[in-house]
Amino acid sequence: MKQTKKAFTLFELMVVVMIIGIVYALVLGRLDPKQHMKIVKLDSLRDIMMQRHKDGQRLDLVLYDNCKKSALLINGEWQEKMKINLKPEMFQNITVYKSDPFGHERKITFTPEIIDDRLEPVCFKYTVYPNGSGSNYIIAQKEKFYVFPPYFEDVNVTESLEEALALFTHEKEKKITFHE
């Protein structure tokens, strides 16, 4: 009986290594979280920003040019490589409010920002601060009100400004009922 040795040829090994390299490059190229940020709904904005946040870092998502363009600033520096996918219509026709100490809404206008060495008028800005807290707003759009709390709570969606203000000022938590 004659024994034969079974082994791979050098060519077969090179083909396998090349296929593994191509698959590796394709998979890792799509999984790089620093190069891509996809925002599909207003109520997911805070969560997506928090995924990119690192302790001690300030993130600013700035929308300009009538909310058609966006930029991400990390610690005040514009990130050219960061690609932000968002639907421009998501930020069209929005009104941004804050609450005064008396629980009344007041409309916010944003100050211009320097983006790519140019001063741009800003239509919306959301910030995640170094401690992990975020901008706190009420955003009105198409008969819905998005309440962005300042700290680590989820974004709430309501159908009335009064309810949004109550959530924003935690009025519901302040009400105490007495039982006799």
C-alpha atoms as a PDB file:
ATOM      1  CA  MET A   1       0.000   0.000   0.000  1.00  0.00           C
ATOM      2  CA  LYS A   2       1.296   3.316  -1.030  1.00  0.00           C
ATOM      3  CA  GLN A   3       0.709   6.369   1.201  1.00  0.00           C
ATOM      4  CA  THR A   4       0.133   9.759  -0.400  1.00  0.00           C
ATOM      5  CA  LYS A   5       0.579  13.045   1.410  1.00  0.00           C
ATOM      6  CA  LYS A   6      -2.361  15.428   1.198  1.00  0.00           C
ATOM      7  CA  ALA A   7      -1.508  19.114   1.481  1.00  0.00           C
ATOM      8  CA  PHE A   8      -2.536  22.487   0.130  1.00  0.00           C
ATOM      9  CA  THR A   9      -0.510  24.032  -2.625  1.00  0.00           C
ATOM     10  CA  LEU A  10       1.009  27.465  -2.214  1.00  0.00           C
ATOM     11  CA  PHE A  11      -1.467  28.857  -4.756  1.00  0.00           C
ATOM     12  CA  GLU A  12      -4.473  27.524  -2.796  1.00  0.00           C
ATOM     13  CA  LEU A  13      -3.175  29.059   0.428  1.00  0.00           C
ATOM     14  CA  MET A  14      -2.628  32.441  -1.275  1.00  0.00           C
ATOM     15  CA  VAL A  15      -6.205  32.408  -2.638  1.00  0.00           C
ATOM     16  CA  VAL A  16      -7.644  31.650   0.823  1.00  0.00           C
ATOM     17  CA  VAL A  17      -5.572  34.435   2.454  1.00  0.00           C
ATOM     18  CA  MET A  18      -6.654  36.882  -0.271  1.00  0.00           C
ATOM     19  CA  ILE A  19     -10.363  36.020   0.209  1.00  0.00           C
ATOM     20  CA  ILE A  20     -10.066  36.446   3.999  1.00  0.00           C
ATOM     21  CA  GLY A  21      -8.365  39.833   3.474  1.00  0.00           C
ATOM     22  CA  ILE A  22     -11.129  41.071   1.162  1.00  0.00           C
ATOM     23  CA  VAL A  23     -13.896  39.975   3.545  1.00  0.00           C
ATOM     24  CA  TYR A  24     -12.037  41.563   6.479  1.00  0.00           C
ATOM     25  CA  ALA A  25     -11.668  44.892   4.626  1.00  0.00           C
ATOM     26  CA  LEU A  26     -15.330  44.959   3.593  1.00  0.00           C
ATOM     27  CA  VAL A  27     -16.664  44.146   7.051  1.00  0.00           C
ATOM     28  CA  LEU A  28     -14.397  46.524   8.968  1.00  0.00           C
ATOM     29  CA  GLY A  29     -14.944  49.318   6.465  1.00  0.00           C
ATOM     30  CA  ARG A  30     -18.658  49.299   7.219  1.00  0.00           C
ATOM     31  CA  LEU A  31     -18.372  48.894  10.974  1.00  0.00           C
ATOM     32  CA  ASP A  32     -16.234  51.957  11.706  1.00  0.00           C
ATOM     33  CA  PRO A  33     -18.490  53.951  14.082  1.00  0.00           C
ATOM     34  CA  LYS A  34     -16.324  57.061  13.974  1.00  0.00           C
ATOM     35  CA  GLN A  35     -16.915  57.656  10.301  1.00  0.00           C
ATOM     36  CA  HIS A  36     -20.688  57.309  10.112  1.00  0.00           C
ATOM     37  CA  MET A  37     -23.595  58.630  12.128  1.00  0.00           C
ATOM     38  CA  LYS A  38     -27.136  57.845  11.018  1.00  0.00           C
ATOM     39  CA  ILE A  39     -29.974  59.893  12.458  1.00  0.00           C
ATOM     40  CA  VAL A  40     -33.365  58.758  11.237  1.00  0.00           C
ATOM     41  CA  LYS A  41     -35.783  60.223  13.801  1.00  0.00           C
ATOM     42  CA  LEU A  42     -35.773  63.184  16.147  1.00  0.00           C
ATOM     43  CA  ASP A  43     -36.365  61.019  19.195  1.00  0.00           C
ATOM     44  CA  SER A  44     -33.233  58.935  18.434  1.00  0.00           C
ATOM     45  CA  LEU A  45     -30.936  61.975  18.174  1.00  0.00           C
ATOM     46  CA  ARG A  46     -29.763  61.910  21.801  1.00  0.00           C
ATOM     47  CA  ASP A  47     -29.098  58.151  21.803  1.00  0.00           C
ATOM     48  CA  ILE A  48     -27.035  58.320  18.619  1.00  0.00           C
ATOM     49  CA  MET A  49     -25.008  61.248  19.930  1.00  0.00           C
ATOM     50  CA  MET A  50     -24.372  59.364  23.190  1.00  0.00           C
ATOM     51  CA  GLN A  51     -22.995  56.398  21.223  1.00  0.00           C
ATOM     52  CA  ARG A  52     -20.253  58.707  19.904  1.00  0.00           C
ATOM     53  CA  HIS A  53     -19.591  60.427  23.238  1.00  0.00           C
ATOM     54  CA  LYS A  54     -16.479  59.789  25.312  1.00  0.00           C
ATOM     55  CA  ASP A  55     -15.991  61.092  28.874  1.00  0.00           C
ATOM     56  CA  GLY A  56     -14.538  64.594  28.938  1.00  0.00           C
ATOM     57  CA  GLN A  57     -15.560  65.267  25.339  1.00  0.00           C
ATOM     58  CA  ARG A  58     -18.070  67.829  24.072  1.00  0.00           C
ATOM     59  CA  LEU A  59     -20.031  66.934  20.942  1.00  0.00           C
ATOM     60  CA  ASP A  60     -22.030  69.496  18.978  1.00  0.00           C
ATOM     61  CA  LEU A  61     -24.302  68.495  16.115  1.00  0.00           C
ATOM     62  CA  VAL A  62     -24.889  71.668  14.126  1.00  0.00           C
ATOM     63  CA  LEU A  63     -27.410  72.035  11.295  1.00  0.00           C
ATOM     64  CA  TYR A  64     -27.003  74.993   8.974  1.00  0.00           C
ATOM     65  CA  ASP A  65     -27.937  76.210   5.492  1.00  0.00           C
ATOM     66  CA  ASN A  66     -31.674  76.012   6.328  1.00  0.00           C
ATOM     67  CA  CYS A  67     -31.078  72.638   8.017  1.00  0.00           C
ATOM     68  CA  LYS A  68     -29.878  71.069   4.763  1.00  0.00           C
ATOM     69  CA  LYS A  69     -26.263  70.595   5.879  1.00  0.00           C
ATOM     70  CA  SER A  70     -24.829  69.240   9.096  1.00  0.00           C
ATOM     71  CA  ALA A  71     -21.519  69.242  10.909  1.00  0.00           C
ATOM     72  CA  LEU A  72     -20.176  67.499  13.970  1.00  0.00           C
ATOM     73  CA  LEU A  73     -17.826  69.403  16.239  1.00  0.00           C
ATOM     74  CA  ILE A  74     -15.788  67.530  18.837  1.00  0.00           C
ATOM     75  CA  ASN A  75     -14.447  69.857  21.519  1.00  0.00           C
ATOM     76  CA  GLY A  76     -15.149  72.774  19.181  1.00  0.00           C
ATOM     77  CA  GLU A  77     -13.264  71.316  16.193  1.00  0.00           C
ATOM     78  CA  TRP A  78     -15.096  70.483  12.977  1.00  0.00           C
ATOM     79  CA  GLN A  79     -14.839  66.805  12.011  1.00  0.00           C
ATOM     80  CA  GLU A  80     -14.432  66.590   8.248  1.00  0.00           C
ATOM     81  CA  LYS A  81     -14.270  62.789   8.186  1.00  0.00           C
ATOM     82  CA  MET A  82     -17.483  62.255  10.151  1.00  0.00           C
ATOM     83  CA  LYS A  83     -20.318  61.483   7.805  1.00  0.00           C
ATOM     84  CA  ILE A  84     -23.754  62.300   9.182  1.00  0.00           C
ATOM     85  CA  ASN A  85     -26.741  60.739   7.476  1.00  0.00           C
ATOM     86  CA  LEU A  86     -29.953  62.510   8.268  1.00  0.00           C
ATOM     87  CA  LYS A  87     -33.057  63.347   6.403  1.00  0.00           C
ATOM     88  CA  PRO A  88     -33.149  67.142   5.917  1.00  0.00           C
ATOM     89  CA  GLU A  89     -36.944  67.105   6.097  1.00  0.00           C
ATOM     90  CA  MET A  90     -36.632  65.762   9.652  1.00  0.00           C
ATOM     91  CA  PHE A  91     -35.459  69.197  10.786  1.00  0.00           C
ATOM     92  CA  GLN A  92     -37.627  71.292   8.463  1.00  0.00           C
ATOM     93  CA  ASN A  93     -40.398  73.341  10.040  1.00  0.00           C
ATOM     94  CA  ILE A  94     -39.247  72.765  13.600  1.00  0.00           C
ATOM     95  CA  THR A  95     -39.605  75.227  16.450  1.00  0.00           C
ATOM     96  CA  VAL A  96     -37.316  74.853  19.434  1.00  0.00           C
ATOM     97  CA  TYR A  97     -38.423  75.955  22.895  1.00  0.00           C
ATOM     98  CA  LYS A  98     -37.056  76.153  26.386  1.00  0.00           C
ATOM     99  CA  SER A  99     -39.059  76.731  29.525  1.00  0.00           C
ATOM    100  CA  ASP A 100     -38.604  79.817  31.690  1.00  0.00           C
ATOM    101  CA  PRO A 101     -38.635  79.518  35.507  1.00  0.00           C
ATOM    102  CA  PHE A 102     -42.421  80.031  35.488  1.00  0.00           C
ATOM    103  CA  GLY A 103     -43.104  77.099  33.141  1.00  0.00           C
ATOM    104  CA  HIS A 104     -43.786  79.223  30.039  1.00  0.00           C
ATOM    105  CA  GLU A 105     -42.244  78.353  26.722  1.00  0.00           C
ATOM    106  CA  ARG A 106     -39.807  80.665  24.998  1.00  0.00           C
ATOM    107  CA  LYS A 107     -38.615  80.184  21.444  1.00  0.00           C
ATOM    108  CA  ILE A 108     -34.888  79.630  20.904  1.00  0.00           C
ATOM    109  CA  THR A 109     -32.775  81.031  18.106  1.00  0.00           C
ATOM    110  CA  PHE A 110     -29.293  79.616  17.705  1.00  0.00           C
ATOM    111  CA  THR A 111     -26.129  81.673  17.387  1.00  0.00           C
ATOM    112  CA  PRO A 112     -24.004  81.316  14.232  1.00  0.00           C
ATOM    113  CA  GLU A 113     -21.084  78.859  14.302  1.00  0.00           C
ATOM    114  CA  ILE A 114     -17.758  78.787  12.502  1.00  0.00           C
ATOM    115  CA  ILE A 115     -17.818  75.745  10.235  1.00  0.00           C
ATOM    116  CA  ASP A 116     -15.034  75.088   7.766  1.00  0.00           C
ATOM    117  CA  ASP A 117     -13.604  78.573   8.460  1.00  0.00           C
ATOM    118  CA  ARG A 118     -16.899  80.315   7.636  1.00  0.00           C
ATOM    119  CA  LEU A 119     -19.506  81.809   9.928  1.00  0.00           C
ATOM    120  CA  GLU A 120     -22.739  79.913   9.214  1.00  0.00           C
ATOM    121  CA  PRO A 121     -26.255  80.732  10.466  1.00  0.00           C
ATOM    122  CA  VAL A 122     -27.456  77.772  12.546  1.00  0.00           C
ATOM    123  CA  CYS A 123     -31.016  76.446  12.442  1.00  0.00           C
ATOM    124  CA  PHE A 124     -30.494  73.697  15.059  1.00  0.00           C
ATOM    125  CA  LYS A 125     -27.798  72.596  17.488  1.00  0.00           C
ATOM    126  CA  TYR A 126     -27.672  69.681  19.907  1.00  0.00           C
ATOM    127  CA  THR A 127     -24.828  69.341  22.408  1.00  0.00           C
ATOM    128  CA  VAL A 128     -23.609  66.474  24.554  1.00  0.00           C
ATOM    129  CA  TYR A 129     -21.471  67.960  27.322  1.00  0.00           C
ATOM    130  CA  PRO A 130     -18.307  66.414  28.820  1.00  0.00           C
ATOM    131  CA  ASN A 131     -20.256  64.953  31.775  1.00  0.00           C
ATOM    132  CA  GLY A 132     -22.705  63.154  29.434  1.00  0.00           C
ATOM    133  CA  SER A 133     -25.640  65.517  29.870  1.00  0.00           C
ATOM    134  CA  GLY A 134     -27.238  67.014  26.790  1.00  0.00           C
ATOM    135  CA  SER A 135     -29.091  70.032  25.483  1.00  0.00           C
ATOM    136  CA  ASN A 136     -32.574  70.314  26.944  1.00  0.00           C
ATOM    137  CA  TYR A 137     -35.270  71.488  24.570  1.00  0.00           C
ATOM    138  CA  ILE A 138     -38.815  71.047  23.491  1.00  0.00           C
ATOM    139  CA  ILE A 139     -38.940  70.617  19.728  1.00  0.00           C
ATOM    140  CA  ALA A 140     -42.279  71.173  17.996  1.00  0.00           C
ATOM    141  CA  GLN A 141     -42.837  69.595  14.611  1.00  0.00           C
ATOM    142  CA  LYS A 142     -46.008  68.505  12.821  1.00  0.00           C
ATOM    143  CA  GLU A 143     -48.262  68.527  15.886  1.00  0.00           C
ATOM    144  CA  LYS A 144     -45.755  66.520  17.936  1.00  0.00           C
ATOM    145  CA  PHE A 145     -43.580  67.802  20.738  1.00  0.00           C
ATOM    146  CA  TYR A 146     -40.242  66.154  21.500  1.00  0.00           C
ATOM    147  CA  VAL A 147     -39.006  66.755  25.049  1.00  0.00           C
ATOM    148  CA  PHE A 148     -35.227  66.489  25.369  1.00  0.00           C
ATOM    149  CA  PRO A 149     -34.402  66.274  29.100  1.00  0.00           C
ATOM    150  CA  PRO A 150     -31.068  67.675  30.297  1.00  0.00           C
ATOM    151  CA  TYR A 151     -29.678  64.522  31.817  1.00  0.00           C
ATOM    152  CA  PHE A 152     -29.886  60.812  31.230  1.00  0.00           C
ATOM    153  CA  GLU A 153     -33.582  60.367  30.567  1.00  0.00           C
ATOM    154  CA  ASP A 154     -35.167  59.235  27.321  1.00  0.00           C
ATOM    155  CA  VAL A 155     -36.702  61.678  24.866  1.00  0.00           C
ATOM    156  CA  ASN A 156     -40.477  61.913  25.353  1.00  0.00           C
ATOM    157  CA  VAL A 157     -42.977  62.604  22.584  1.00  0.00           C
ATOM    158  CA  THR A 158     -46.296  64.308  23.337  1.00  0.00           C
ATOM    159  CA  GLU A 159     -49.139  65.790  21.326  1.00  0.00           C
ATOM    160  CA  SER A 160     -49.563  69.069  23.229  1.00  0.00           C
ATOM    161  CA  LEU A 161     -47.243  71.869  24.266  1.00  0.00           C
ATOM    162  CA  GLU A 162     -48.777  71.919  27.741  1.00  0.00           C
ATOM    163  CA  GLU A 163     -47.959  68.259  28.303  1.00  0.00           C
ATOM    164  CA  ALA A 164     -44.451  68.824  26.909  1.00  0.00           C
ATOM    165  CA  LEU A 165     -43.925  71.744  29.313  1.00  0.00           C
ATOM    166  CA  ALA A 166     -45.143  69.607  32.219  1.00  0.00           C
ATOM    167  CA  LEU A 167     -42.648  66.885  31.301  1.00  0.00           C
ATOM    168  CA  PHE A 168     -39.901  69.440  30.744  1.00  0.00           C
ATOM    169  CA  THR A 169     -40.346  71.055  34.142  1.00  0.00           C
ATOM    170  CA  HIS A 170     -41.176  67.750  35.878  1.00  0.00           C
ATOM    171  CA  GLU A 171     -44.473  69.312  36.953  1.00  0.00           C
ATOM    172  CA  LYS A 172     -46.104  65.910  37.173  1.00  0.00           C
ATOM    173  CA  GLU A 173     -43.555  64.875  39.799  1.00  0.00           C
ATOM    174  CA  LYS A 174     -44.107  68.071  41.810  1.00  0.00           C
ATOM    175  CA  LYS A 175     -47.839  67.536  42.250  1.00  0.00           C
ATOM    176  CA  ILE A 176     -48.626  66.108  45.660  1.00  0.00           C
ATOM    177  CA  THR A 177     -52.032  64.729  46.458  1.00  0.00           C
ATOM    178  CA  PHE A 178     -53.292  64.590  50.014  1.00  0.00           C
ATOM    179  CA  HIS A 179     -55.664  61.877  51.115  1.00  0.00           C
ATOM    180  CA  GLU A 180     -58.036  62.509  53.988  1.00  0.00           C
END
